[in-house]
N, C-alpha and C. Protein backbone atom coordinates (compact mmCIF):
# COMPACT_ATOMS: atom_id res chain seq x y z
N MET A 1 51.85 38.66 -33.55
CA MET A 1 52.21 39.27 -34.36
C MET A 1 51.77 40.76 -34.78
N VAL A 2 51.45 41.82 -35.26
CA VAL A 2 51.17 43.11 -35.48
C VAL A 2 50.80 43.41 -36.82
N LEU A 3 49.90 43.86 -36.37
CA LEU A 3 49.43 44.57 -38.04
C LEU A 3 49.40 45.53 -37.74
N LEU A 4 50.28 47.32 -38.85
CA LEU A 4 50.34 48.47 -38.25
C LEU A 4 49.86 48.94 -39.88
N ARG A 5 48.72 49.25 -39.80
CA ARG A 5 47.85 49.89 -41.22
C ARG A 5 48.49 51.69 -41.22
N LEU A 6 48.58 52.16 -41.67
CA LEU A 6 49.57 53.25 -42.13
C LEU A 6 48.46 53.70 -43.68
N GLY A 7 47.38 53.66 -43.80
CA GLY A 7 46.83 54.60 -44.67
C GLY A 7 46.91 54.26 -46.38
N ALA A 8 47.55 54.14 -46.29
CA ALA A 8 48.11 54.29 -48.36
C ALA A 8 49.40 53.81 -48.07
N ASN A 9 49.09 53.16 -49.40
CA ASN A 9 51.13 52.13 -49.67
C ASN A 9 51.79 53.08 -50.01
N ARG A 10 52.59 53.52 -49.32
CA ARG A 10 54.35 54.43 -49.48
C ARG A 10 55.09 53.23 -49.60
N GLY A 11 55.16 53.03 -49.90
CA GLY A 11 56.42 51.93 -50.20
C GLY A 11 56.40 50.54 -49.13
N PRO A 12 58.02 50.02 -49.56
CA PRO A 12 58.69 49.35 -48.15
C PRO A 12 59.28 50.21 -47.06
N ALA A 13 59.98 50.93 -47.58
CA ALA A 13 61.00 52.00 -46.55
C ALA A 13 59.91 52.37 -45.56
N VAL A 14 59.03 53.45 -45.81
CA VAL A 14 58.00 53.99 -45.02
C VAL A 14 56.99 52.51 -44.50
N ALA A 15 56.82 51.69 -44.43
CA ALA A 15 56.65 50.66 -44.09
C ALA A 15 57.88 50.55 -42.64
N ARG A 16 58.81 49.48 -43.39
CA ARG A 16 59.56 49.20 -42.15
C ARG A 16 59.75 49.90 -41.13
N ASN A 17 60.00 51.61 -41.91
CA ASN A 17 60.31 52.77 -40.94
C ASN A 17 59.25 53.03 -39.28
N ALA A 18 58.08 52.32 -40.26
CA ALA A 18 57.08 52.69 -39.40
C ALA A 18 56.82 51.43 -38.22
N GLY A 19 56.82 50.69 -39.25
CA GLY A 19 57.35 49.21 -37.77
C GLY A 19 58.72 49.35 -37.37
N LEU A 20 59.67 49.73 -36.95
CA LEU A 20 60.59 50.38 -36.78
C LEU A 20 60.79 50.60 -35.60
N ALA A 21 59.55 52.70 -35.42
CA ALA A 21 58.91 53.02 -35.01
C ALA A 21 58.51 52.42 -33.81
N TRP A 22 57.49 51.42 -33.69
CA TRP A 22 56.66 51.01 -33.12
C TRP A 22 57.43 50.52 -32.18
N LEU A 23 58.11 49.24 -32.78
CA LEU A 23 59.18 48.22 -32.27
C LEU A 23 60.25 48.88 -31.05
N ALA A 24 60.63 50.26 -31.58
CA ALA A 24 61.34 51.05 -30.43
C ALA A 24 60.54 51.36 -29.52
N ALA A 25 60.06 51.86 -29.75
CA ALA A 25 59.29 52.47 -28.90
C ALA A 25 58.29 51.01 -27.79
N ARG A 26 58.39 49.96 -27.87
CA ARG A 26 58.18 49.44 -26.94
C ARG A 26 59.45 48.53 -26.53
N GLY A 27 60.76 49.05 -26.66
CA GLY A 27 61.91 48.57 -26.12
C GLY A 27 62.73 46.98 -26.95
N SER A 28 61.72 46.75 -28.22
CA SER A 28 62.32 45.90 -28.87
C SER A 28 63.76 46.03 -29.54
N GLY A 29 65.14 44.65 -29.01
CA GLY A 29 66.75 44.98 -29.28
C GLY A 29 67.15 44.99 -30.46
N VAL A 30 66.70 43.83 -31.00
CA VAL A 30 66.93 43.80 -31.87
C VAL A 30 65.46 42.95 -33.69
N VAL A 31 65.57 43.67 -34.65
CA VAL A 31 64.63 43.59 -35.76
C VAL A 31 65.92 42.71 -36.86
N SER A 32 64.20 41.62 -37.33
CA SER A 32 65.00 41.25 -38.74
C SER A 32 63.69 41.29 -40.14
N PHE A 33 64.48 41.90 -40.77
CA PHE A 33 63.88 41.94 -42.57
C PHE A 33 63.78 40.73 -43.00
N LEU A 34 62.59 40.71 -43.44
CA LEU A 34 63.28 39.66 -44.64
C LEU A 34 61.70 39.80 -46.28
N ASP A 35 62.26 40.14 -46.92
CA ASP A 35 61.41 40.56 -48.45
C ASP A 35 60.37 39.33 -48.72
N ALA A 36 59.14 39.44 -48.97
CA ALA A 36 58.63 38.49 -50.00
C ALA A 36 59.25 37.66 -51.70
N ASP A 37 60.53 38.58 -51.19
CA ASP A 37 60.69 37.20 -53.04
C ASP A 37 62.18 36.67 -52.56
N CYS A 38 62.31 37.07 -50.76
CA CYS A 38 63.57 36.52 -50.82
C CYS A 38 63.43 34.67 -50.17
N ALA A 39 64.41 34.15 -50.62
CA ALA A 39 64.00 32.33 -49.80
C ALA A 39 65.46 32.30 -49.25
N PRO A 40 64.79 32.80 -47.28
CA PRO A 40 66.41 32.43 -46.91
C PRO A 40 66.69 30.72 -46.61
N ALA A 41 67.44 30.69 -46.06
CA ALA A 41 68.85 29.06 -45.75
C ALA A 41 67.64 28.68 -44.48
N PRO A 42 67.81 27.51 -44.75
CA PRO A 42 67.45 26.99 -43.19
C PRO A 42 68.13 27.56 -41.93
N GLY A 43 68.13 27.40 -40.82
CA GLY A 43 69.39 28.58 -39.71
C GLY A 43 69.45 30.00 -40.49
N TRP A 44 68.87 29.95 -41.11
CA TRP A 44 68.93 32.05 -40.88
C TRP A 44 69.20 32.63 -39.99
N LEU A 45 68.14 32.38 -39.51
CA LEU A 45 67.39 33.46 -38.57
C LEU A 45 68.45 32.96 -37.11
N ALA A 46 68.70 31.87 -37.35
CA ALA A 46 69.33 31.58 -35.99
C ALA A 46 70.92 32.13 -35.70
N ALA A 47 71.09 32.36 -37.01
CA ALA A 47 72.66 32.37 -37.58
C ALA A 47 73.13 34.02 -37.44
N MET A 48 71.48 34.81 -37.64
CA MET A 48 71.42 36.17 -37.78
C MET A 48 71.36 36.41 -36.20
N ALA A 49 70.36 36.23 -35.40
CA ALA A 49 70.83 36.28 -34.07
C ALA A 49 72.17 35.72 -33.28
N ALA A 50 72.60 34.61 -33.34
CA ALA A 50 74.34 34.53 -32.65
C ALA A 50 75.35 35.62 -33.18
N ALA A 51 74.81 35.96 -34.42
CA ALA A 51 76.22 37.34 -34.60
C ALA A 51 75.85 38.24 -34.35
N GLN A 52 74.80 38.92 -33.92
CA GLN A 52 74.17 40.46 -33.40
C GLN A 52 74.27 39.74 -31.44
N ALA A 53 74.11 39.12 -30.96
CA ALA A 53 74.41 38.04 -29.75
C ALA A 53 76.19 38.58 -29.66
N ALA A 54 76.46 37.86 -30.68
CA ALA A 54 78.01 38.24 -30.48
C ALA A 54 79.28 39.68 -31.27
N ALA A 55 78.54 40.37 -32.19
CA ALA A 55 78.56 41.39 -32.29
C ALA A 55 78.17 42.78 -32.56
N PRO A 56 77.46 43.52 -31.46
CA PRO A 56 76.39 43.87 -31.54
C PRO A 56 76.15 44.78 -32.55
N GLY A 57 75.04 45.25 -33.45
CA GLY A 57 75.08 46.07 -35.13
C GLY A 57 73.85 45.76 -35.96
N ILE A 58 75.25 45.94 -36.97
CA ILE A 58 73.80 45.83 -38.46
C ILE A 58 74.70 44.21 -38.50
N VAL A 59 73.91 43.45 -39.60
CA VAL A 59 74.52 42.58 -39.06
C VAL A 59 73.54 42.17 -40.46
N CYS A 60 74.23 40.98 -41.70
CA CYS A 60 73.49 41.19 -43.26
C CYS A 60 74.32 40.24 -43.99
N GLY A 61 73.46 39.70 -43.90
CA GLY A 61 73.74 37.80 -44.15
C GLY A 61 74.13 37.47 -45.82
N ARG A 62 74.52 36.93 -46.24
CA ARG A 62 74.80 37.32 -47.57
C ARG A 62 73.36 36.36 -49.14
N THR A 63 74.02 37.86 -49.98
CA THR A 63 72.26 37.14 -50.88
C THR A 63 72.87 37.60 -52.67
N LEU A 64 72.15 36.06 -52.89
CA LEU A 64 72.39 35.86 -53.96
C LEU A 64 71.40 36.18 -55.01
N SER A 65 71.52 36.39 -56.21
CA SER A 65 70.21 36.96 -57.11
C SER A 65 70.57 35.52 -57.82
N THR A 66 69.21 35.29 -57.96
CA THR A 66 69.01 34.08 -59.51
C THR A 66 68.61 35.09 -60.58
N ARG A 67 69.24 36.26 -60.46
CA ARG A 67 68.48 37.31 -61.56
C ARG A 67 69.83 38.40 -62.12
N PRO A 68 70.76 37.69 -62.63
CA PRO A 68 72.01 38.16 -63.08
C PRO A 68 72.19 39.88 -64.18
N ASP A 69 70.46 40.01 -64.63
CA ASP A 69 70.90 41.58 -65.05
C ASP A 69 70.49 42.66 -63.91
N THR A 70 70.09 42.68 -62.39
CA THR A 70 70.13 42.85 -61.60
C THR A 70 71.85 43.73 -60.78
N PRO A 71 71.29 44.87 -60.29
CA PRO A 71 72.98 45.03 -59.81
C PRO A 71 73.23 44.44 -58.81
N ILE A 72 72.89 43.57 -58.30
CA ILE A 72 73.21 42.39 -56.92
C ILE A 72 73.57 41.19 -57.38
N GLY A 73 72.60 40.47 -58.89
CA GLY A 73 73.32 39.39 -59.42
C GLY A 73 74.75 39.81 -60.67
N ALA A 74 75.06 40.76 -60.83
CA ALA A 74 75.67 41.53 -61.63
C ALA A 74 76.87 42.13 -60.82
N GLY A 75 77.12 41.58 -59.56
CA GLY A 75 77.73 41.85 -58.62
C GLY A 75 78.31 43.72 -58.08
N GLY A 76 76.78 44.24 -58.32
CA GLY A 76 76.95 45.69 -58.20
C GLY A 76 77.28 46.52 -56.70
N LEU A 77 76.96 45.66 -56.75
CA LEU A 77 76.97 46.16 -54.90
C LEU A 77 78.12 45.59 -54.25
N GLN A 78 78.56 44.83 -54.96
CA GLN A 78 80.14 44.01 -54.64
C GLN A 78 80.80 45.69 -54.73
N SER A 79 80.93 45.91 -55.92
CA SER A 79 81.86 47.00 -56.57
C SER A 79 81.60 48.42 -55.99
N GLN A 80 80.17 48.35 -55.79
CA GLN A 80 80.10 49.95 -55.53
C GLN A 80 80.44 50.25 -54.23
N TYR A 81 80.42 49.35 -53.49
CA TYR A 81 80.85 49.17 -52.06
C TYR A 81 81.17 48.40 -51.27
N GLY A 82 82.03 47.60 -52.49
CA GLY A 82 83.18 47.15 -51.49
C GLY A 82 82.45 46.29 -50.54
N LEU A 83 81.36 45.50 -50.73
CA LEU A 83 80.34 44.23 -50.37
C LEU A 83 81.51 43.05 -50.40
N GLY A 84 81.27 42.16 -49.32
CA GLY A 84 81.74 40.60 -49.99
C GLY A 84 80.95 39.99 -50.90
N ILE A 85 79.93 40.10 -50.94
CA ILE A 85 78.71 39.32 -51.59
C ILE A 85 79.25 38.28 -53.16
């Protein structure tokens, strides 16, 4: 594990982009993100790796929300982007 210090909290997108840049500079081919408020199912990383190996590209697992007042919980992503979540 490597800790990248950015000097100031500029949000998760900036942190992820910095991490991706660091990994890309070192030739990493596959990256997985998991937020602190996520509870992945057993075997999620192996399933993502298998999907990536079968068809390289962007892979996203099923997203369920415990908060129906959010866009994901209310089906907002599904209706807005046509995602089958």
